PDB file of N, CA and C in Angstrom:
ATOM      1  N   UNK A   1     159.265 127.740-207.818  1.00  0.00           N
ATOM      2  CA  UNK A   1     159.378 127.342-206.429  1.00  0.00           C
ATOM      3  C   UNK A   1     160.233 128.377-205.694  1.00  0.00           C
ATOM      4  N   UNK A   2     159.875 128.668-204.502  1.00  0.00           N
ATOM      5  CA  UNK A   2     160.554 129.683-203.709  1.00  0.00           C
ATOM      6  C   UNK A   2     161.894 129.152-203.182  1.00  0.00           C
ATOM      7  N   UNK A   3     162.937 129.967-203.336  1.00  0.00           N
ATOM      8  CA  UNK A   3     164.269 129.573-202.883  1.00  0.00           C
ATOM      9  C   UNK A   3     164.322 129.411-201.368  1.00  0.00           C
ATOM     10  N   UNK A   4     163.584 130.264-200.648  1.00  0.00           N
ATOM     11  CA  UNK A   4     163.568 130.164-199.189  1.00  0.00           C
ATOM     12  C   UNK A   4     162.944 128.851-198.737  1.00  0.00           C
ATOM     13  N   UNK A   5     161.981 128.361-199.494  1.00  0.00           N
ATOM     14  CA  UNK A   5     161.353 127.088-199.146  1.00  0.00           C
ATOM     15  C   UNK A   5     162.369 125.946-199.244  1.00  0.00           C
ATOM     16  N   UNK A   6     163.265 126.022-200.235  1.00  0.00           N
ATOM     17  CA  UNK A   6     164.275 124.976-200.393  1.00  0.00           C
ATOM     18  C   UNK A   6     165.267 124.976-199.225  1.00  0.00           C
ATOM     19  N   UNK A   7     165.573 126.155-198.705  1.00  0.00           N
ATOM     20  CA  UNK A   7     166.512 126.231-197.598  1.00  0.00           C
ATOM     21  C   UNK A   7     165.873 125.841-196.269  1.00  0.00           C
ATOM     22  N   UNK A   8     164.581 125.954-196.184  1.00  0.00           N
ATOM     23  CA  UNK A   8     163.893 125.574-194.953  1.00  0.00           C
ATOM     24  C   UNK A   8     163.927 126.681-193.927  1.00  0.00           C
ATOM     25  N   UNK A   9     163.766 126.311-192.681  1.00  0.00           N
ATOM     26  CA  UNK A   9     163.748 127.281-191.592  1.00  0.00           C
ATOM     27  C   UNK A   9     165.150 127.828-191.360  1.00  0.00           C
ATOM     28  N   UNK A  10     165.251 128.797-190.483  1.00  0.00           N
ATOM     29  CA  UNK A  10     166.544 129.389-190.165  1.00  0.00           C
ATOM     30  C   UNK A  10     167.517 128.321-189.679  1.00  0.00           C
ATOM     31  N   UNK A  11     168.737 128.417-190.162  1.00  0.00           N
ATOM     32  CA  UNK A  11     169.763 127.450-189.784  1.00  0.00           C
ATOM     33  C   UNK A  11     170.237 127.718-188.362  1.00  0.00           C
ATOM     34  N   UNK A  12     170.418 128.994-188.032  1.00  0.00           N
ATOM     35  CA  UNK A  12     170.937 129.383-186.728  1.00  0.00           C
ATOM     36  C   UNK A  12     169.901 130.220-185.999  1.00  0.00           C
ATOM     37  N   UNK A  13     169.987 130.277-184.668  1.00  0.00           N
ATOM     38  CA  UNK A  13     169.130 131.203-183.921  1.00  0.00           C
ATOM     39  C   UNK A  13     169.486 132.654-184.256  1.00  0.00           C
ATOM     40  N   UNK A  14     168.576 133.573-183.987  1.00  0.00           N
ATOM     41  CA  UNK A  14     168.744 134.975-184.369  1.00  0.00           C
ATOM     42  C   UNK A  14     169.962 135.625-183.704  1.00  0.00           C
ATOM     43  N   UNK A  15     170.282 135.273-182.465  1.00  0.00           N
ATOM     44  CA  UNK A  15     171.412 135.919-181.790  1.00  0.00           C
ATOM     45  C   UNK A  15     172.746 135.571-182.445  1.00  0.00           C
ATOM     46  N   UNK A  16     172.808 134.445-183.137  1.00  0.00           N
ATOM     47  CA  UNK A  16     174.046 134.093-183.840  1.00  0.00           C
ATOM     48  C   UNK A  16     174.220 134.958-185.082  1.00  0.00           C
ATOM     49  N   UNK A  17     173.120 135.319-185.746  1.00  0.00           N
ATOM     50  CA  UNK A  17     173.206 136.167-186.931  1.00  0.00           C
ATOM     51  C   UNK A  17     173.784 137.542-186.602  1.00  0.00           C
ATOM     52  N   UNK A  18     173.585 138.022-185.376  1.00  0.00           N
ATOM     53  CA  UNK A  18     174.084 139.346-185.006  1.00  0.00           C
ATOM     54  C   UNK A  18     175.597 139.442-185.079  1.00  0.00           C
ATOM     55  N   UNK A  19     176.309 138.377-184.789  1.00  0.00           N
ATOM     56  CA  UNK A  19     177.774 138.433-184.894  1.00  0.00           C
ATOM     57  C   UNK A  19     178.290 137.698-186.123  1.00  0.00           C
ATOM     58  N   UNK A  20     177.475 136.795-186.711  1.00  0.00           N
ATOM     59  CA  UNK A  20     177.934 136.025-187.862  1.00  0.00           C
ATOM     60  C   UNK A  20     178.053 136.894-189.115  1.00  0.00           C
ATOM     61  N   UNK A  21     177.053 137.738-189.361  1.00  0.00           N
ATOM     62  CA  UNK A  21     177.095 138.578-190.569  1.00  0.00           C
ATOM     63  C   UNK A  21     178.258 139.568-190.560  1.00  0.00           C
ATOM     64  N   UNK A  22     178.466 140.327-189.477  1.00  0.00           N
ATOM     65  CA  UNK A  22     179.633 141.235-189.491  1.00  0.00           C
ATOM     66  C   UNK A  22     180.964 140.484-189.577  1.00  0.00           C
ATOM     67  N   UNK A  23     181.022 139.305-188.968  1.00  0.00           N
ATOM     68  CA  UNK A  23     182.251 138.511-189.049  1.00  0.00           C
ATOM     69  C   UNK A  23     182.516 138.068-190.482  1.00  0.00           C
ATOM     70  N   UNK A  24     181.483 137.614-191.162  1.00  0.00           N
ATOM     71  CA  UNK A  24     181.649 137.198-192.559  1.00  0.00           C
ATOM     72  C   UNK A  24     182.015 138.387-193.446  1.00  0.00           C
ATOM     73  N   UNK A  25     181.438 139.547-193.171  1.00  0.00           N
ATOM     74  CA  UNK A  25     181.785 140.736-193.959  1.00  0.00           C
ATOM     75  C   UNK A  25     183.246 141.122-193.744  1.00  0.00           C
ATOM     76  N   UNK A  26     183.722 141.031-192.505  1.00  0.00           N
ATOM     77  CA  UNK A  26     185.130 141.345-192.239  1.00  0.00           C
ATOM     78  C   UNK A  26     186.054 140.321-192.896  1.00  0.00           C
ATOM     79  N   UNK A  27     185.664 139.054-192.874  1.00  0.00           N
ATOM     80  CA  UNK A  27     186.478 138.026-193.528  1.00  0.00           C
ATOM     81  C   UNK A  27     186.533 138.251-195.040  1.00  0.00           C
ATOM     82  N   UNK A  28     185.401 138.642-195.638  1.00  0.00           N
ATOM     83  CA  UNK A  28     185.404 138.953-197.069  1.00  0.00           C
ATOM     84  C   UNK A  28     186.306 140.142-197.364  1.00  0.00           C
ATOM     85  N   UNK A  29     186.255 141.159-196.511  1.00  0.00           N
ATOM     86  CA  UNK A  29     187.094 142.335-196.707  1.00  0.00           C
ATOM     87  C   UNK A  29     188.574 141.983-196.594  1.00  0.00           C
ATOM     88  N   UNK A  30     188.924 141.228-195.563  1.00  0.00           N
ATOM     89  CA  UNK A  30     190.335 140.872-195.358  1.00  0.00           C
ATOM     90  C   UNK A  30     190.867 139.965-196.470  1.00  0.00           C
ATOM     91  N   UNK A  31     190.078 138.973-196.893  1.00  0.00           N
ATOM     92  CA  UNK A  31     190.542 138.113-197.990  1.00  0.00           C
ATOM     93  C   UNK A  31     190.615 138.883-199.299  1.00  0.00           C
ATOM     94  N   UNK A  32     189.727 139.834-199.497  1.00  0.00           N
ATOM     95  CA  UNK A  32     189.788 140.668-200.697  1.00  0.00           C
ATOM     96  C   UNK A  32     191.042 141.517-200.741  1.00  0.00           C
ATOM     97  N   UNK A  33     191.351 142.152-199.618  1.00  0.00           N
ATOM     98  CA  UNK A  33     192.568 142.977-199.549  1.00  0.00           C
ATOM     99  C   UNK A  33     193.812 142.110-199.703  1.00  0.00           C
ATOM    100  N   UNK A  34     193.823 140.950-199.043  1.00  0.00           N
ATOM    101  CA  UNK A  34     194.977 140.058-199.155  1.00  0.00           C
ATOM    102  C   UNK A  34     195.157 139.565-200.588  1.00  0.00           C
ATOM    103  N   UNK A  35     194.058 139.262-201.269  1.00  0.00           N
ATOM    104  CA  UNK A  35     194.146 138.803-202.661  1.00  0.00           C
ATOM    105  C   UNK A  35     194.684 139.912-203.562  1.00  0.00           C
ATOM    106  N   UNK A  36     194.238 141.132-203.328  1.00  0.00           N
ATOM    107  CA  UNK A  36     194.735 142.263-204.124  1.00  0.00           C
ATOM    108  C   UNK A  36     196.238 142.449-203.912  1.00  0.00           C
ATOM    109  N   UNK A  37     196.677 142.356-202.675  1.00  0.00           N
ATOM    110  CA  UNK A  37     198.109 142.517-202.372  1.00  0.00           C
ATOM    111  C   UNK A  37     198.931 141.415-203.040  1.00  0.00           C
ATOM    112  N   UNK A  38     198.441 140.175-202.970  1.00  0.00           N
ATOM    113  CA  UNK A  38     199.174 139.052-203.569  1.00  0.00           C
ATOM    114  C   UNK A  38     199.232 139.206-205.086  1.00  0.00           C
ATOM    115  N   UNK A  39     198.148 139.658-205.705  1.00  0.00           N
ATOM    116  CA  UNK A  39     198.154 139.861-207.161  1.00  0.00           C
ATOM    117  C   UNK A  39     199.136 140.970-207.534  1.00  0.00           C
ATOM    118  N   UNK A  40     199.198 142.019-206.737  1.00  0.00           N
ATOM    119  CA  UNK A  40     200.120 143.117-207.041  1.00  0.00           C
ATOM    120  C   UNK A  40     201.585 142.705-206.862  1.00  0.00           C
ATOM    121  N   UNK A  41     201.848 141.687-206.050  1.00  0.00           N
ATOM    122  CA  UNK A  41     203.220 141.230-205.839  1.00  0.00           C
ATOM    123  C   UNK A  41     203.729 140.344-206.981  1.00  0.00           C
ATOM    124  N   UNK A  42     202.839 139.832-207.821  1.00  0.00           N
ATOM    125  CA  UNK A  42     203.243 138.920-208.887  1.00  0.00           C
ATOM    126  C   UNK A  42     203.933 139.671-210.014  1.00  0.00           C
ATOM    127  N   UNK A  43     204.850 138.957-210.683  1.00  0.00           N
ATOM    128  CA  UNK A  43     205.525 139.523-211.842  1.00  0.00           C
ATOM    129  C   UNK A  43     204.569 139.507-213.026  1.00  0.00           C
ATOM    130  N   UNK A  44     204.717 140.452-213.950  1.00  0.00           N
ATOM    131  CA  UNK A  44     203.908 140.399-215.170  1.00  0.00           C
ATOM    132  C   UNK A  44     204.224 139.138-215.975  1.00  0.00           C
ATOM    133  N   UNK A  45     203.247 138.608-216.647  1.00  0.00           N
ATOM    134  CA  UNK A  45     203.424 137.363-217.393  1.00  0.00           C
ATOM    135  C   UNK A  45     204.254 137.545-218.659  1.00  0.00           C
ATOM    136  N   UNK A  46     204.383 138.759-219.181  1.00  0.00           N
ATOM    137  CA  UNK A  46     205.108 138.953-220.436  1.00  0.00           C
ATOM    138  C   UNK A  46     206.628 138.923-220.266  1.00  0.00           C
ATOM    139  N   UNK A  47     207.109 138.814-219.023  1.00  0.00           N
ATOM    140  CA  UNK A  47     208.556 138.722-218.827  1.00  0.00           C
ATOM    141  C   UNK A  47     209.112 137.386-219.330  1.00  0.00           C
ATOM    142  N   UNK A  48     208.318 136.344-219.341  1.00  0.00           N
ATOM    143  CA  UNK A  48     208.769 135.028-219.788  1.00  0.00           C
ATOM    144  C   UNK A  48     208.347 134.730-221.226  1.00  0.00           C
ATOM    145  N   UNK A  49     207.980 135.736-221.957  1.00  0.00           N
ATOM    146  CA  UNK A  49     207.491 135.516-223.322  1.00  0.00           C
ATOM    147  C   UNK A  49     208.618 135.134-224.284  1.00  0.00           C
ATOM    148  N   UNK A  50     209.859 135.328-223.905  1.00  0.00           N
ATOM    149  CA  UNK A  50     210.984 134.975-224.766  1.00  0.00           C
ATOM    150  C   UNK A  50     211.076 133.483-225.017  1.00  0.00           C
ATOM    151  N   UNK A  51     210.482 132.667-224.185  1.00  0.00           N
ATOM    152  CA  UNK A  51     210.510 131.218-224.364  1.00  0.00           C
ATOM    153  C   UNK A  51     209.758 130.845-225.641  1.00  0.00           C
ATOM    154  N   UNK A  52     208.726 131.592-225.980  1.00  0.00           N
ATOM    155  CA  UNK A  52     207.961 131.303-227.206  1.00  0.00           C
ATOM    156  C   UNK A  52     208.838 131.503-228.432  1.00  0.00           C
ATOM    157  N   UNK A  53     209.697 132.516-228.420  1.00  0.00           N
ATOM    158  CA  UNK A  53     210.557 132.809-229.554  1.00  0.00           C
ATOM    159  C   UNK A  53     211.770 131.915-229.662  1.00  0.00           C
ATOM    160  N   UNK A  54     211.951 131.012-228.739  1.00  0.00           N
ATOM    161  CA  UNK A  54     213.056 130.086-228.820  1.00  0.00           C
ATOM    162  C   UNK A  54     214.142 130.308-227.803  1.00  0.00           C
ATOM    163  N   UNK A  55     214.027 131.328-226.996  1.00  0.00           N
ATOM    164  CA  UNK A  55     215.026 131.548-225.963  1.00  0.00           C
ATOM    165  C   UNK A  55     214.841 130.517-224.858  1.00  0.00           C
ATOM    166  N   UNK A  56     215.939 130.026-224.357  1.00  0.00           N
ATOM    167  CA  UNK A  56     215.893 129.017-223.297  1.00  0.00           C
ATOM    168  C   UNK A  56     215.803 129.680-221.934  1.00  0.00           C
ATOM    169  N   UNK A  57     214.989 129.103-221.086  1.00  0.00           N
ATOM    170  CA  UNK A  57     215.012 129.502-219.686  1.00  0.00           C
ATOM    171  C   UNK A  57     216.145 128.729-219.034  1.00  0.00           C
ATOM    172  N   UNK A  58     216.733 129.279-218.014  1.00  0.00           N
ATOM    173  CA  UNK A  58     217.788 128.529-217.364  1.00  0.00           C
ATOM    174  C   UNK A  58     217.198 127.315-216.657  1.00  0.00           C
ATOM    175  N   UNK A  59     217.981 126.271-216.563  1.00  0.00           N
ATOM    176  CA  UNK A  59     217.475 124.984-216.095  1.00  0.00           C
ATOM    177  C   UNK A  59     217.066 125.018-214.625  1.00  0.00           C
ATOM    178  N   UNK A  60     217.650 125.921-213.848  1.00  0.00           N
ATOM    179  CA  UNK A  60     217.290 125.990-212.427  1.00  0.00           C
ATOM    180  C   UNK A  60     215.822 126.382-212.265  1.00  0.00           C
ATOM    181  N   UNK A  61     215.360 127.350-213.051  1.00  0.00           N
ATOM    182  CA  UNK A  61     213.970 127.771-212.917  1.00  0.00           C
ATOM    183  C   UNK A  61     213.011 126.720-213.461  1.00  0.00           C
ATOM    184  N   UNK A  62     213.452 125.894-214.414  1.00  0.00           N
ATOM    185  CA  UNK A  62     212.593 124.815-214.909  1.00  0.00           C
ATOM    186  C   UNK A  62     212.443 123.715-213.870  1.00  0.00           C
ATOM    187  N   UNK A  63     213.527 123.383-213.182  1.00  0.00           N
ATOM    188  CA  UNK A  63     213.484 122.301-212.212  1.00  0.00           C
ATOM    189  C   UNK A  63     212.659 122.666-210.981  1.00  0.00           C
ATOM    190  N   UNK A  64     212.778 123.887-210.535  1.00  0.00           N
ATOM    191  CA  UNK A  64     212.117 124.303-209.299  1.00  0.00           C
ATOM    192  C   UNK A  64     210.918 125.204-209.572  1.00  0.00           C
ATOM    193  N   UNK A  65     210.209 124.955-210.632  1.00  0.00           N
ATOM    194  CA  UNK A  65     209.093 125.797-211.012  1.00  0.00           C
ATOM    195  C   UNK A  65     207.978 125.761-209.964  1.00  0.00           C
ATOM    196  N   UNK A  66     207.744 124.593-209.365  1.00  0.00           N
ATOM    197  CA  UNK A  66     206.660 124.485-208.384  1.00  0.00           C
ATOM    198  C   UNK A  66     207.008 125.145-207.058  1.00  0.00           C
ATOM    199  N   UNK A  67     208.292 125.410-206.814  1.00  0.00           N
ATOM    200  CA  UNK A  67     208.713 126.014-205.556  1.00  0.00           C
ATOM    201  C   UNK A  67     209.057 127.491-205.703  1.00  0.00           C
ATOM    202  N   UNK A  68     208.876 128.049-206.883  1.00  0.00           N
ATOM    203  CA  UNK A  68     209.268 129.433-207.096  1.00  0.00           C
ATOM    204  C   UNK A  68     208.283 130.387-206.424  1.00  0.00           C
ATOM    205  N   UNK A  69     208.716 131.625-206.288  1.00  0.00           N
ATOM    206  CA  UNK A  69     207.889 132.651-205.658  1.00  0.00           C
ATOM    207  C   UNK A  69     206.613 132.881-206.465  1.00  0.00           C
ATOM    208  N   UNK A  70     206.737 132.836-207.791  1.00  0.00           N
ATOM    209  CA  UNK A  70     205.568 133.062-208.638  1.00  0.00           C
ATOM    210  C   UNK A  70     204.506 131.984-208.450  1.00  0.00           C
ATOM    211  N   UNK A  71     204.920 130.743-208.322  1.00  0.00           N
ATOM    212  CA  UNK A  71     203.933 129.677-208.157  1.00  0.00           C
ATOM    213  C   UNK A  71     203.267 129.752-206.788  1.00  0.00           C
ATOM    214  N   UNK A  72     204.015 130.156-205.767  1.00  0.00           N
ATOM    215  CA  UNK A  72     203.418 130.317-204.436  1.00  0.00           C
ATOM    216  C   UNK A  72     202.400 131.452-204.454  1.00  0.00           C
ATOM    217  N   UNK A  73     202.746 132.562-205.102  1.00  0.00           N
ATOM    218  CA  UNK A  73     201.816 133.684-205.191  1.00  0.00           C
ATOM    219  C   UNK A  73     200.576 133.319-205.999  1.00  0.00           C
ATOM    220  N   UNK A  74     200.760 132.518-207.039  1.00  0.00           N
ATOM    221  CA  UNK A  74     199.613 132.085-207.842  1.00  0.00           C
ATOM    222  C   UNK A  74     198.669 131.204-207.014  1.00  0.00           C
ATOM    223  N   UNK A  75     199.249 130.302-206.221  1.00  0.00           N
ATOM    224  CA  UNK A  75     198.424 129.444-205.359  1.00  0.00           C
ATOM    225  C   UNK A  75     197.709 130.264-204.287  1.00  0.00           C
ATOM    226  N   UNK A  76     198.385 131.276-203.743  1.00  0.00           N
ATOM    227  CA  UNK A  76     197.750 132.143-202.758  1.00  0.00           C
ATOM    228  C   UNK A  76     196.611 132.953-203.368  1.00  0.00           C
ATOM    229  N   UNK A  77     196.776 133.371-204.612  1.00  0.00           N
ATOM    230  CA  UNK A  77     195.720 134.103-205.304  1.00  0.00           C
ATOM    231  C   UNK A  77     194.482 133.231-205.469  1.00  0.00           C
ATOM    232  N   UNK A  78     194.673 132.003-205.903  1.00  0.00           N
ATOM    233  CA  UNK A  78     193.547 131.091-206.087  1.00  0.00           C
ATOM    234  C   UNK A  78     192.880 130.790-204.751  1.00  0.00           C
ATOM    235  N   UNK A  79     193.677 130.570-203.721  1.00  0.00           N
ATOM    236  CA  UNK A  79     193.126 130.288-202.396  1.00  0.00           C
ATOM    237  C   UNK A  79     192.327 131.479-201.867  1.00  0.00           C
ATOM    238  N   UNK A  80     192.851 132.669-202.019  1.00  0.00           N
ATOM    239  CA  UNK A  80     192.139 133.865-201.570  1.00  0.00           C
ATOM    240  C   UNK A  80     190.827 134.071-202.306  1.00  0.00           C
ATOM    241  N   UNK A  81     190.827 133.831-203.614  1.00  0.00           N
ATOM    242  CA  UNK A  81     189.599 133.994-204.387  1.00  0.00           C
ATOM    243  C   UNK A  81     188.547 132.957-203.988  1.00  0.00           C
ATOM    244  N   UNK A  82     188.975 131.733-203.763  1.00  0.00           N
ATOM    245  CA  UNK A  82     188.032 130.677-203.355  1.00  0.00           C
ATOM    246  C   UNK A  82     187.469 130.976-201.964  1.00  0.00           C
ATOM    247  N   UNK A  83     188.312 131.404-201.033  1.00  0.00           N
ATOM    248  CA  UNK A  83     187.834 131.757-199.695  1.00  0.00           C
ATOM    249  C   UNK A  83     186.853 132.920-199.734  1.00  0.00           C
ATOM    250  N   UNK A  84     187.159 133.920-200.533  1.00  0.00           N
ATOM    251  CA  UNK A  84     186.267 135.064-200.628  1.00  0.00           C
ATOM    252  C   UNK A  84     184.915 134.659-201.216  1.00  0.00           C
ATOM    253  N   UNK A  85     184.928 133.785-202.210  1.00  0.00           N
ATOM    254  CA  UNK A  85     183.676 133.295-202.785  1.00  0.00           C
ATOM    255  C   UNK A  85     182.889 132.464-201.773  1.00  0.00           C
ATOM    256  N   UNK A  86     183.584 131.640-200.978  1.00  0.00           N
ATOM    257  CA  UNK A  86     182.918 130.848-199.954  1.00  0.00           C
ATOM    258  C   UNK A  86     182.282 131.746-198.898  1.00  0.00           C
ATOM    259  N   UNK A  87     183.005 132.763-198.431  1.00  0.00           N
ATOM    260  CA  UNK A  87     182.459 133.680-197.435  1.00  0.00           C
ATOM    261  C   UNK A  87     181.257 134.444-197.986  1.00  0.00           C
ATOM    262  N   UNK A  88     181.333 134.854-199.257  1.00  0.00           N
ATOM    263  CA  UNK A  88     180.217 135.570-199.870  1.00  0.00           C
ATOM    264  C   UNK A  88     178.992 134.670-200.000  1.00  0.00           C
ATOM    265  N   UNK A  89     179.186 133.432-200.394  1.00  0.00           N
ATOM    266  CA  UNK A  89     178.067 132.498-200.508  1.00  0.00           C
ATOM    267  C   UNK A  89     177.438 132.220-199.149  1.00  0.00           C
ATOM    268  N   UNK A  90     178.264 131.996-198.137  1.00  0.00           N
ATOM    269  CA  UNK A  90     177.752 131.738-196.790  1.00  0.00           C
ATOM    270  C   UNK A  90     177.039 132.967-196.235  1.00  0.00           C
ATOM    271  N   UNK A  91     177.562 134.170-196.526  1.00  0.00           N
ATOM    272  CA  UNK A  91     176.902 135.401-196.104  1.00  0.00           C
ATOM    273  C   UNK A  91     175.547 135.525-196.779  1.00  0.00           C
ATOM    274  N   UNK A  92     175.478 135.215-198.068  1.00  0.00           N
ATOM    275  CA  UNK A  92     174.218 135.278-198.799  1.00  0.00           C
ATOM    276  C   UNK A  92     173.187 134.322-198.204  1.00  0.00           C
ATOM    277  N   UNK A  93     173.614 133.128-197.863  1.00  0.00           N
ATOM    278  CA  UNK A  93     172.692 132.147-197.277  1.00  0.00           C
ATOM    279  C   UNK A  93     172.201 132.626-195.914  1.00  0.00           C
ATOM    280  N   UNK A  94     173.094 133.160-195.091  1.00  0.00           N
ATOM    281  CA  UNK A  94     172.658 133.648-193.782  1.00  0.00           C
ATOM    282  C   UNK A  94     171.792 134.890-193.898  1.00  0.00           C
ATOM    283  N   UNK A  95     172.010 135.709-194.931  1.00  0.00           N
ATOM    284  CA  UNK A  95     171.211 136.915-195.128  1.00  0.00           C
ATOM    285  C   UNK A  95     169.783 136.549-195.531  1.00  0.00           C
ATOM    286  N   UNK A  96     169.627 135.530-196.354  1.00  0.00           N
ATOM    287  CA  UNK A  96     168.306 135.087-196.790  1.00  0.00           C
ATOM    288  C   UNK A  96     167.543 134.444-195.626  1.00  0.00           C
ATOM    289  N   UNK A  97     168.255 133.741-194.774  1.00  0.00           N
ATOM    290  CA  UNK A  97     167.606 132.994-193.710  1.00  0.00           C
ATOM    291  C   UNK A  97     166.914 133.885-192.696  1.00  0.00           C
ATOM    292  N   UNK A  98     167.392 135.096-192.497  1.00  0.00           N
ATOM    293  CA  UNK A  98     166.820 135.937-191.439  1.00  0.00           C
ATOM    294  C   UNK A  98     165.499 136.542-191.849  1.00  0.00           C
TER     295      UNK A  98
END
């Protein structure tokens, strides 16, 4: 069965595609760059490997683990990746429709 048949007719009029596609491409570019920057700001994971060998982490970092800089950067990384995937999927759908 044809994929275009499942999507049906064009979702938007043609004049909307003229600005929608470049906008989606710019959003993908910006979220990609932002995700790369956020990943580069994160600490390497092997810095906390001493906990496996029995070394204790200080209690302050255990209590506030959800509020630490690393957890915020991790959440931003996941958010950026999900947004970029959403923009790419929406761009693909609009590209097929035309």
